[in-house]
Amino acid sequence: DMHGIVWVWCSDLYGAYSASPQTNPKGAMSGKTRVRRGGGWNDYARRCRSAYRDNVTPAYHDYSIGIRLVKSN
């Protein structure tokens, strides 16, 4: 249920990942754009997966961007 509904805002700043293998890599330390993941309902199929990421400014708004709430145990 996570793919292709709406783009999901992430708290990470956008930047290139390290070339070395990582688990749960962190975003850039500085920058002006944030990560959004997953593609929206009106996107190409190749973008509708959680591993796909894009970057936009925090001021950007669109009807296909949302948030995902999580509950920690």
C-alpha atoms as a PDB file:
ATOM      1  CA  ASP A   1       0.000   0.000   0.000  1.00  0.00           C
ATOM      2  CA  MET A   2       3.018   2.297  -0.039  1.00  0.00           C
ATOM      3  CA  HIS A   3       3.663   2.668  -3.750  1.00  0.00           C
ATOM      4  CA  GLY A   4       2.107   5.176  -6.088  1.00  0.00           C
ATOM      5  CA  ILE A   5      -0.534   6.756  -3.881  1.00  0.00           C
ATOM      6  CA  VAL A   6       1.211  10.080  -3.200  1.00  0.00           C
ATOM      7  CA  TRP A   7       4.813  11.223  -3.037  1.00  0.00           C
ATOM      8  CA  VAL A   8       5.957  11.048   0.593  1.00  0.00           C
ATOM      9  CA  TRP A   9       7.947  13.892   2.167  1.00  0.00           C
ATOM     10  CA  CYS A  10      11.061  12.712   4.004  1.00  0.00           C
ATOM     11  CA  SER A  11      13.051  14.611   6.611  1.00  0.00           C
ATOM     12  CA  ASP A  12      16.363  14.033   4.776  1.00  0.00           C
ATOM     13  CA  LEU A  13      18.037  16.801   2.854  1.00  0.00           C
ATOM     14  CA  TYR A  14      18.686  15.750  -0.749  1.00  0.00           C
ATOM     15  CA  GLY A  15      22.232  14.807  -1.760  1.00  0.00           C
ATOM     16  CA  ALA A  16      24.242  12.022  -3.321  1.00  0.00           C
ATOM     17  CA  TYR A  17      24.639   8.799  -1.366  1.00  0.00           C
ATOM     18  CA  SER A  18      28.057   7.413  -0.505  1.00  0.00           C
ATOM     19  CA  ALA A  19      29.458   4.892  -2.985  1.00  0.00           C
ATOM     20  CA  SER A  20      30.004   2.328  -0.192  1.00  0.00           C
ATOM     21  CA  PRO A  21      27.184  -0.087   0.761  1.00  0.00           C
ATOM     22  CA  GLN A  22      24.939   1.264   3.545  1.00  0.00           C
ATOM     23  CA  THR A  23      21.830   0.358   5.484  1.00  0.00           C
ATOM     24  CA  ASN A  24      19.408   3.246   6.028  1.00  0.00           C
ATOM     25  CA  PRO A  25      21.700   5.973   4.656  1.00  0.00           C
ATOM     26  CA  LYS A  26      21.263   9.470   6.058  1.00  0.00           C
ATOM     27  CA  GLY A  27      20.628  12.495   3.886  1.00  0.00           C
ATOM     28  CA  ALA A  28      23.049  15.286   3.108  1.00  0.00           C
ATOM     29  CA  MET A  29      24.331  17.463   5.945  1.00  0.00           C
ATOM     30  CA  SER A  30      23.320  20.681   4.164  1.00  0.00           C
ATOM     31  CA  GLY A  31      21.264  21.786   1.206  1.00  0.00           C
ATOM     32  CA  LYS A  32      18.094  23.538   0.159  1.00  0.00           C
ATOM     33  CA  THR A  33      15.966  20.673  -1.089  1.00  0.00           C
ATOM     34  CA  ARG A  34      14.262  17.775   0.700  1.00  0.00           C
ATOM     35  CA  VAL A  35      13.743  14.192  -0.376  1.00  0.00           C
ATOM     36  CA  ARG A  36      10.381  12.917  -1.523  1.00  0.00           C
ATOM     37  CA  ARG A  37       9.848   9.238  -2.288  1.00  0.00           C
ATOM     38  CA  GLY A  38       7.516   6.817  -3.955  1.00  0.00           C
ATOM     39  CA  GLY A  39       5.846   8.550  -6.880  1.00  0.00           C
ATOM     40  CA  GLY A  40       2.265   9.726  -7.015  1.00  0.00           C
ATOM     41  CA  TRP A  41      -0.939   8.316  -8.439  1.00  0.00           C
ATOM     42  CA  ASN A  42      -0.396  10.313 -11.635  1.00  0.00           C
ATOM     43  CA  ASP A  43       3.249   9.308 -12.182  1.00  0.00           C
ATOM     44  CA  TYR A  44       5.133   6.907 -14.419  1.00  0.00           C
ATOM     45  CA  ALA A  45       5.225   3.327 -13.099  1.00  0.00           C
ATOM     46  CA  ARG A  46       9.048   3.382 -12.732  1.00  0.00           C
ATOM     47  CA  ARG A  47       8.717   6.123 -10.103  1.00  0.00           C
ATOM     48  CA  CYS A  48       6.070   4.324  -8.041  1.00  0.00           C
ATOM     49  CA  ARG A  49       8.406   2.464  -5.703  1.00  0.00           C
ATOM     50  CA  SER A  50       9.780   3.409  -2.293  1.00  0.00           C
ATOM     51  CA  ALA A  51      13.396   3.296  -3.517  1.00  0.00           C
ATOM     52  CA  TYR A  52      12.753   6.070  -6.050  1.00  0.00           C
ATOM     53  CA  ARG A  53      13.623   9.486  -4.671  1.00  0.00           C
ATOM     54  CA  ASP A  54      13.365  12.989  -5.992  1.00  0.00           C
ATOM     55  CA  ASN A  55      14.082  16.430  -4.584  1.00  0.00           C
ATOM     56  CA  VAL A  56      11.984  19.555  -4.211  1.00  0.00           C
ATOM     57  CA  THR A  57      12.155  22.719  -2.135  1.00  0.00           C
ATOM     58  CA  PRO A  58      10.155  22.767   1.107  1.00  0.00           C
ATOM     59  CA  ALA A  59       7.983  25.574  -0.328  1.00  0.00           C
ATOM     60  CA  TYR A  60       6.844  23.343  -3.216  1.00  0.00           C
ATOM     61  CA  HIS A  61       3.265  22.112  -2.968  1.00  0.00           C
ATOM     62  CA  ASP A  62       1.277  19.765  -5.138  1.00  0.00           C
ATOM     63  CA  TYR A  63      -1.843  17.608  -4.864  1.00  0.00           C
ATOM     64  CA  SER A  64       0.272  14.446  -5.187  1.00  0.00           C
ATOM     65  CA  ILE A  65       2.547  14.982  -2.141  1.00  0.00           C
ATOM     66  CA  GLY A  66       1.640  13.756   1.338  1.00  0.00           C
ATOM     67  CA  ILE A  67       3.107  12.423   4.556  1.00  0.00           C
ATOM     68  CA  ARG A  68       3.149   8.982   6.110  1.00  0.00           C
ATOM     69  CA  LEU A  69       2.457   8.786   9.824  1.00  0.00           C
ATOM     70  CA  VAL A  70       4.210   6.102  11.842  1.00  0.00           C
ATOM     71  CA  LYS A  71       3.706   4.906  15.367  1.00  0.00           C
ATOM     72  CA  SER A  72       6.721   3.789  17.341  1.00  0.00           C
ATOM     73  CA  ASN A  73       6.272   0.937  19.789  1.00  0.00           C
END
